Protein backbone atom coordinates (compact mmCIF):
# COMPACT_ATOMS: atom_id res chain seq x y z
CA MET A 1 14.57 135.53 42.16
CA PRO A 2 10.86 134.62 42.52
CA LEU A 3 9.85 132.43 45.41
CA ASP A 4 8.49 128.99 44.72
CA GLN A 5 4.68 129.19 45.05
CA TRP A 6 4.59 125.92 46.98
CA LEU A 7 6.80 127.25 49.78
CA ASN A 8 4.21 129.61 51.19
CA GLY A 9 1.16 127.38 50.56
CA ARG A 10 -0.66 129.90 48.37
CA MET A 11 -0.93 130.08 44.63
CA GLU A 12 -2.48 133.56 44.55
CA ARG A 13 -2.08 136.75 46.50
CA ARG A 14 -4.79 137.58 49.02
CA LEU A 15 -6.47 140.97 48.81
CA PRO A 16 -7.22 142.77 52.11
CA ILE A 17 -10.93 143.16 51.37
CA ILE A 18 -13.79 142.85 53.84
CA VAL A 19 -16.80 140.94 52.52
CA VAL A 20 -19.85 140.16 54.65
CA VAL A 21 -20.52 136.41 54.49
CA ARG A 22 -22.60 133.68 56.07
CA LEU A 23 -20.79 130.61 57.40
CA ALA A 24 -22.35 127.19 57.85
CA HIS A 25 -21.41 123.54 57.58
CA CYS A 26 -21.61 122.23 53.99
CA ALA A 27 -24.11 119.59 55.04
CA PRO A 28 -27.67 120.93 55.18
CA ALA A 29 -28.21 122.85 58.40
CA GLY A 30 -30.95 124.93 59.92
CA PRO A 31 -30.94 128.73 59.65
CA ASP A 32 -29.91 129.06 63.31
CA GLU A 33 -26.68 127.22 62.50
CA GLU A 34 -25.51 129.95 60.14
CA GLU A 35 -23.23 132.71 61.31
CA LYS A 36 -23.12 136.17 59.76
CA THR A 37 -19.55 137.45 59.78
CA TYR A 38 -16.89 138.95 57.48
CA THR A 39 -13.61 138.25 55.78
CA ASP A 40 -10.21 139.72 56.56
CA ASN A 41 -8.80 138.95 53.12
CA ILE A 42 -9.84 137.07 50.00
CA SER A 43 -8.52 135.43 46.84
CA PRO A 44 -10.16 133.28 44.16
CA ARG A 45 -9.03 130.11 45.96
CA GLY A 46 -9.22 131.09 49.61
CA ALA A 47 -10.08 133.52 52.37
CA ARG A 48 -9.36 134.41 55.96
CA ILE A 49 -12.67 134.73 57.80
CA PHE A 50 -13.55 135.69 61.37
CA SER A 51 -15.87 133.42 63.35
CA LYS A 52 -17.41 133.19 66.81
CA HIS A 53 -16.86 129.43 66.69
CA ALA A 54 -13.76 127.26 66.59
CA TRP A 55 -13.47 125.15 63.43
CA GLN A 56 -11.19 122.17 62.99
CA PRO A 57 -8.71 121.85 60.11
CA GLY A 58 -10.38 119.75 57.44
CA ASP A 59 -13.94 120.85 58.36
CA ALA A 60 -16.08 121.48 55.27
CA LEU A 61 -17.91 124.78 55.42
CA ARG A 62 -20.16 126.80 53.16
CA VAL A 63 -19.26 130.46 52.63
CA THR A 64 -22.01 132.64 51.18
CA PRO A 65 -21.28 136.29 50.42
CA LEU A 66 -24.41 138.42 50.87
CA ASN A 67 -24.17 139.48 47.21
CA GLY A 68 -22.94 136.26 45.67
CA TYR A 69 -23.13 132.52 45.32
CA SER A 70 -22.15 130.08 48.05
CA ALA A 71 -19.08 127.90 47.83
CA CYS A 72 -17.96 124.96 49.95
CA GLY A 73 -14.41 125.09 51.20
CA LYS A 74 -12.15 123.42 53.73
CA VAL A 75 -10.69 124.87 56.90
CA VAL A 76 -6.89 125.01 56.73
CA TYR A 77 -6.29 126.58 60.14
CA CYS A 78 -8.19 128.11 63.06
CA GLN A 79 -6.45 130.60 65.36
CA GLY A 80 -7.91 131.95 68.59
CA MET A 81 -7.99 135.73 68.96
CA PRO A 82 -7.93 137.75 72.19
CA ASP A 83 -11.55 138.92 71.79
CA ASP A 84 -13.13 135.42 71.93
CA ARG A 85 -13.24 135.16 68.13
CA TYR A 86 -11.35 132.92 65.76
CA SER A 87 -9.68 133.60 62.45
CA ILE A 88 -10.01 130.71 60.05
CA GLY A 89 -8.16 130.09 56.84
CA VAL A 90 -10.38 128.58 54.18
CA THR A 91 -9.39 127.09 50.85
CA PHE A 92 -11.69 126.42 47.90
CA PRO A 93 -9.84 123.53 46.24
CA ASP A 94 -12.59 122.46 43.82
CA HIS A 95 -13.28 125.72 42.04
CA VAL A 96 -12.44 129.41 41.81
CA VAL A 97 -14.64 131.81 43.78
CA THR A 98 -15.60 135.00 41.98
CA TRP A 99 -16.09 137.58 44.71
CA SER A 100 -18.47 140.29 43.47
CA ILE A 101 -16.29 143.04 44.96
CA THR A 102 -13.27 141.98 42.89
CA ARG A 103 -15.28 142.12 39.65
CA ARG A 104 -15.43 145.90 40.05
CA TYR A 105 -11.65 146.11 39.85
CA ASP A 106 -11.09 143.43 37.21
CA ASP A 107 -13.63 144.88 34.76
CA THR A 108 -15.35 141.50 34.52
């Protein structure tokens, strides 16, 4: 019996793929306010991303893969990690993100 997609909060499966990204607030910010980091997993509608900074649920942030287009998303959660980093769950509710790395596997 398939599980109801609404029970786990995700509509699509996340792929355990590391993508180098830049994080910043969606509002215009200076270059020193960007953070270069990487993902833990990705999907067309979300990602888990590591950060040196704590983000609050509901914060709007811009995620820009080094080889792709930026997308604004919203922080769903922020969990502290033992090495003074944070893992943040990000959702892209307004549009689907096409990660360049997944195009290689989808033949698109």
